[in-house]
């Protein structure tokens, strides 16, 4: 019997079960935002995002303006599901 290490499951395969910020929070995901210009890394508060944008909001395939004063860059959202060692970009097509 073989078992697959959670870190070896591609991020695209995880999307179906965690499409929304509400589902990500329930599953225990850790989400960060990384600026492509100033390299700032910020933790994303899923409970705050749920209150502001609603529970059905999705971070998949999104970018947003960097929040650092004076920076004109965009942040990429990266997520880490339980069992994953590193954050992976939340870029994936909807699985069939």
N, C-alpha and C. Protein backbone atom coordinates (compact mmCIF):
# COMPACT_ATOMS: atom_id res chain seq x y z
N UNK A 1 0.84 -1.17 0.00
CA UNK A 1 0.00 0.00 0.00
C UNK A 1 0.89 1.24 0.00
N UNK A 2 0.60 2.17 -0.92
CA UNK A 2 1.42 3.37 -0.96
C UNK A 2 0.62 4.58 -0.50
N UNK A 3 1.32 5.50 0.06
CA UNK A 3 0.67 6.73 0.48
C UNK A 3 1.37 7.89 -0.21
N UNK A 4 0.62 8.90 -0.55
CA UNK A 4 1.17 10.08 -1.20
C UNK A 4 1.40 11.14 -0.14
N UNK A 5 2.62 11.67 -0.11
CA UNK A 5 2.91 12.75 0.82
C UNK A 5 2.08 13.97 0.42
N UNK A 6 1.48 14.66 1.39
CA UNK A 6 0.64 15.82 1.06
C UNK A 6 1.37 16.88 0.24
N UNK A 7 2.67 17.01 0.41
CA UNK A 7 3.42 18.02 -0.31
C UNK A 7 3.58 17.69 -1.79
N UNK A 8 3.33 16.46 -2.16
CA UNK A 8 3.49 16.05 -3.56
C UNK A 8 2.21 16.20 -4.39
N UNK A 9 1.11 16.56 -3.76
CA UNK A 9 -0.14 16.77 -4.48
C UNK A 9 -0.08 18.15 -5.13
N UNK A 10 -0.22 18.24 -6.45
CA UNK A 10 -0.14 19.53 -7.13
C UNK A 10 -1.23 20.49 -6.61
N UNK A 11 -0.89 21.76 -6.58
CA UNK A 11 -1.82 22.78 -6.09
C UNK A 11 -3.08 22.80 -6.94
N UNK A 12 -2.96 22.52 -8.23
CA UNK A 12 -4.13 22.51 -9.11
C UNK A 12 -5.16 21.46 -8.67
N UNK A 13 -4.69 20.35 -8.12
CA UNK A 13 -5.61 19.30 -7.68
C UNK A 13 -6.32 19.69 -6.37
N UNK A 14 -5.76 20.61 -5.64
CA UNK A 14 -6.35 21.04 -4.38
C UNK A 14 -7.45 22.09 -4.57
N UNK A 15 -7.51 22.68 -5.75
CA UNK A 15 -8.43 23.79 -5.97
C UNK A 15 -9.89 23.41 -5.79
N UNK A 16 -10.30 22.28 -6.29
CA UNK A 16 -11.72 21.90 -6.24
C UNK A 16 -12.26 21.89 -4.81
N UNK A 17 -11.49 21.45 -3.86
CA UNK A 17 -11.95 21.37 -2.48
C UNK A 17 -11.80 22.66 -1.70
N UNK A 18 -11.08 23.62 -2.25
CA UNK A 18 -10.83 24.88 -1.53
C UNK A 18 -10.91 26.07 -2.47
N UNK A 19 -11.99 26.19 -3.19
CA UNK A 19 -12.16 27.27 -4.15
C UNK A 19 -12.36 28.62 -3.46
N UNK A 20 -13.07 28.66 -2.36
CA UNK A 20 -13.41 29.93 -1.72
C UNK A 20 -12.58 30.15 -0.46
N UNK A 21 -12.56 31.43 0.00
CA UNK A 21 -11.81 31.73 1.21
C UNK A 21 -12.43 31.04 2.43
N UNK A 22 -13.73 30.84 2.42
CA UNK A 22 -14.39 30.14 3.52
C UNK A 22 -13.92 28.68 3.60
N UNK A 23 -13.85 28.01 2.46
CA UNK A 23 -13.39 26.62 2.43
C UNK A 23 -11.91 26.52 2.80
N UNK A 24 -11.13 27.51 2.38
CA UNK A 24 -9.71 27.51 2.75
C UNK A 24 -9.54 27.66 4.25
N UNK A 25 -10.32 28.54 4.85
CA UNK A 25 -10.22 28.74 6.30
C UNK A 25 -10.64 27.47 7.04
N UNK A 26 -11.72 26.86 6.61
CA UNK A 26 -12.18 25.62 7.26
C UNK A 26 -11.16 24.51 7.19
N UNK A 27 -10.46 24.44 6.04
CA UNK A 27 -9.47 23.38 5.84
C UNK A 27 -8.13 23.69 6.51
N UNK A 28 -7.95 24.92 6.99
CA UNK A 28 -6.71 25.25 7.69
C UNK A 28 -5.59 25.75 6.79
N UNK A 29 -5.92 26.35 5.67
CA UNK A 29 -4.90 26.89 4.78
C UNK A 29 -4.23 28.11 5.39
N UNK A 30 -2.96 28.33 5.03
CA UNK A 30 -2.21 29.53 5.36
C UNK A 30 -1.97 30.24 4.03
N UNK A 31 -2.36 31.52 3.93
CA UNK A 31 -2.24 32.25 2.67
C UNK A 31 -1.38 33.50 2.88
N UNK A 32 -0.48 33.74 1.92
CA UNK A 32 0.35 34.93 1.95
C UNK A 32 0.21 35.66 0.61
N UNK A 33 0.61 36.95 0.62
CA UNK A 33 0.65 37.75 -0.60
C UNK A 33 2.08 38.23 -0.79
N UNK A 34 2.64 38.04 -1.98
CA UNK A 34 4.03 38.37 -2.26
C UNK A 34 4.09 39.39 -3.40
N UNK A 35 4.72 40.54 -3.14
CA UNK A 35 4.81 41.60 -4.14
C UNK A 35 5.90 41.27 -5.16
N UNK A 36 5.58 41.45 -6.44
CA UNK A 36 6.55 41.17 -7.50
C UNK A 36 7.56 42.31 -7.68
N UNK A 37 7.31 43.47 -7.08
CA UNK A 37 8.20 44.62 -7.24
C UNK A 37 9.09 44.84 -6.01
N UNK A 38 8.49 45.03 -4.84
CA UNK A 38 9.27 45.35 -3.64
C UNK A 38 9.59 44.12 -2.79
N UNK A 39 9.08 42.96 -3.18
CA UNK A 39 9.34 41.68 -2.50
C UNK A 39 8.73 41.59 -1.11
N UNK A 40 7.80 42.50 -0.78
CA UNK A 40 7.11 42.45 0.50
C UNK A 40 6.26 41.17 0.58
N UNK A 41 6.29 40.50 1.72
CA UNK A 41 5.46 39.31 1.94
C UNK A 41 4.54 39.62 3.11
N UNK A 42 3.24 39.45 2.88
CA UNK A 42 2.24 39.74 3.91
C UNK A 42 1.36 38.52 4.14
N UNK A 43 0.98 38.30 5.37
CA UNK A 43 0.05 37.23 5.70
C UNK A 43 -1.36 37.71 5.37
N UNK A 44 -2.16 36.86 4.76
CA UNK A 44 -3.54 37.17 4.43
C UNK A 44 -4.44 36.64 5.54
N UNK A 45 -5.26 37.50 6.10
CA UNK A 45 -6.19 37.09 7.15
C UNK A 45 -7.48 36.61 6.49
N UNK A 46 -7.68 35.30 6.45
CA UNK A 46 -8.88 34.76 5.82
C UNK A 46 -10.15 35.21 6.53
N UNK A 47 -10.21 35.25 7.89
CA UNK A 47 -11.43 35.74 8.54
C UNK A 47 -11.77 37.19 8.15
N UNK A 48 -10.76 38.03 8.05
CA UNK A 48 -10.99 39.42 7.65
C UNK A 48 -11.48 39.49 6.21
N UNK A 49 -10.88 38.70 5.34
CA UNK A 49 -11.29 38.66 3.94
C UNK A 49 -12.73 38.17 3.80
N UNK A 50 -13.12 37.21 4.62
CA UNK A 50 -14.49 36.72 4.60
C UNK A 50 -15.46 37.82 5.01
N UNK A 51 -15.11 38.59 6.03
CA UNK A 51 -15.98 39.69 6.47
C UNK A 51 -16.10 40.78 5.41
N UNK A 52 -14.99 41.08 4.73
CA UNK A 52 -14.99 42.18 3.76
C UNK A 52 -15.56 41.76 2.41
N UNK A 53 -15.10 40.66 1.87
CA UNK A 53 -15.47 40.23 0.52
C UNK A 53 -16.58 39.19 0.47
N UNK A 54 -16.82 38.52 1.60
CA UNK A 54 -17.83 37.47 1.63
C UNK A 54 -17.21 36.09 1.57
N UNK A 55 -17.93 35.07 2.05
CA UNK A 55 -17.37 33.72 2.13
C UNK A 55 -17.14 33.04 0.79
N UNK A 56 -17.78 33.51 -0.26
CA UNK A 56 -17.64 32.87 -1.58
C UNK A 56 -16.55 33.48 -2.43
N UNK A 57 -15.82 34.46 -1.88
CA UNK A 57 -14.73 35.10 -2.61
C UNK A 57 -13.60 34.10 -2.84
N UNK A 58 -12.95 34.21 -3.99
CA UNK A 58 -11.86 33.29 -4.33
C UNK A 58 -10.58 34.06 -4.61
N UNK A 59 -9.46 33.53 -4.15
CA UNK A 59 -8.15 34.12 -4.40
C UNK A 59 -7.43 33.47 -5.58
N UNK A 60 -8.00 32.41 -6.11
CA UNK A 60 -7.37 31.68 -7.21
C UNK A 60 -7.27 32.58 -8.45
N UNK A 61 -6.09 32.57 -9.07
CA UNK A 61 -5.82 33.31 -10.31
C UNK A 61 -6.06 34.81 -10.16
N UNK A 62 -5.81 35.37 -8.99
CA UNK A 62 -6.00 36.81 -8.75
C UNK A 62 -4.68 37.47 -8.41
N UNK A 63 -4.63 38.75 -8.72
CA UNK A 63 -3.53 39.62 -8.28
C UNK A 63 -4.18 40.86 -7.69
N UNK A 64 -3.45 41.55 -6.85
CA UNK A 64 -3.95 42.78 -6.24
C UNK A 64 -2.78 43.76 -6.12
N UNK A 65 -3.10 45.02 -5.97
CA UNK A 65 -2.07 46.04 -5.79
C UNK A 65 -1.35 45.82 -4.46
N UNK A 66 -0.06 46.10 -4.46
CA UNK A 66 0.72 46.01 -3.23
C UNK A 66 0.26 47.09 -2.26
N UNK A 67 0.24 46.78 -0.98
CA UNK A 67 -0.21 47.71 0.05
C UNK A 67 0.92 48.58 0.63
N UNK A 68 2.16 48.32 0.21
CA UNK A 68 3.27 49.13 0.73
C UNK A 68 3.19 50.53 0.13
N UNK A 69 3.34 51.53 0.98
CA UNK A 69 3.27 52.92 0.56
C UNK A 69 4.31 53.19 -0.52
N UNK A 70 3.88 53.73 -1.65
CA UNK A 70 4.79 54.09 -2.73
C UNK A 70 5.09 52.97 -3.71
N UNK A 71 4.72 51.75 -3.41
CA UNK A 71 4.99 50.62 -4.32
C UNK A 71 3.91 50.57 -5.39
N UNK A 72 4.32 50.33 -6.61
CA UNK A 72 3.37 50.25 -7.73
C UNK A 72 3.19 48.80 -8.20
N UNK A 73 3.73 47.87 -7.44
CA UNK A 73 3.68 46.46 -7.83
C UNK A 73 2.35 45.78 -7.52
N UNK A 74 2.29 44.53 -7.90
CA UNK A 74 1.13 43.68 -7.65
C UNK A 74 1.56 42.48 -6.81
N UNK A 75 0.65 42.01 -5.98
CA UNK A 75 0.94 40.82 -5.18
C UNK A 75 0.35 39.59 -5.83
N UNK A 76 1.05 38.48 -5.64
CA UNK A 76 0.58 37.17 -6.05
C UNK A 76 0.18 36.44 -4.78
N UNK A 77 -0.97 35.80 -4.79
CA UNK A 77 -1.40 35.06 -3.62
C UNK A 77 -0.84 33.65 -3.68
N UNK A 78 -0.34 33.19 -2.53
CA UNK A 78 0.23 31.84 -2.42
C UNK A 78 -0.40 31.16 -1.22
N UNK A 79 -0.69 29.89 -1.37
CA UNK A 79 -1.33 29.16 -0.30
C UNK A 79 -0.56 27.92 0.11
N UNK A 80 -0.78 27.53 1.36
CA UNK A 80 -0.17 26.30 1.90
C UNK A 80 -1.26 25.55 2.63
N UNK A 81 -1.62 24.41 2.10
CA UNK A 81 -2.62 23.55 2.73
C UNK A 81 -1.95 22.75 3.84
N UNK A 82 -2.72 22.24 4.78
CA UNK A 82 -2.13 21.40 5.83
C UNK A 82 -1.33 20.25 5.21
N UNK A 83 -0.13 20.06 5.70
CA UNK A 83 0.74 19.00 5.20
C UNK A 83 1.74 19.47 4.15
N UNK A 84 1.49 20.63 3.56
CA UNK A 84 2.43 21.17 2.58
C UNK A 84 3.58 21.87 3.30
N UNK A 85 4.78 21.80 2.73
CA UNK A 85 5.94 22.42 3.36
C UNK A 85 6.10 23.88 2.95
N UNK A 86 5.70 24.24 1.74
CA UNK A 86 5.89 25.59 1.24
C UNK A 86 4.59 26.14 0.66
N UNK A 87 4.56 27.45 0.50
CA UNK A 87 3.42 28.11 -0.14
C UNK A 87 3.58 28.00 -1.66
N UNK A 88 2.49 27.70 -2.34
CA UNK A 88 2.49 27.61 -3.80
C UNK A 88 1.56 28.67 -4.36
N UNK A 89 1.90 29.23 -5.54
CA UNK A 89 1.02 30.22 -6.15
C UNK A 89 -0.38 29.66 -6.38
N UNK A 90 -1.38 30.47 -6.08
CA UNK A 90 -2.77 30.04 -6.26
C UNK A 90 -3.19 30.31 -7.70
N UNK A 91 -2.49 29.66 -8.62
CA UNK A 91 -2.76 29.76 -10.04
C UNK A 91 -3.04 28.37 -10.58
N UNK A 92 -4.28 28.14 -10.98
CA UNK A 92 -4.63 26.83 -11.50
C UNK A 92 -5.96 26.92 -12.23
N UNK A 93 -6.08 26.24 -13.37
CA UNK A 93 -7.38 26.22 -14.03
C UNK A 93 -8.36 25.39 -13.21
N UNK A 94 -9.63 25.63 -13.45
CA UNK A 94 -10.64 24.84 -12.76
C UNK A 94 -10.52 23.38 -13.21
N UNK A 95 -10.37 22.45 -12.27
CA UNK A 95 -10.20 21.03 -12.66
C UNK A 95 -11.49 20.45 -13.25
N UNK A 96 -11.30 19.60 -14.26
CA UNK A 96 -12.47 18.94 -14.89
C UNK A 96 -13.01 17.83 -14.03
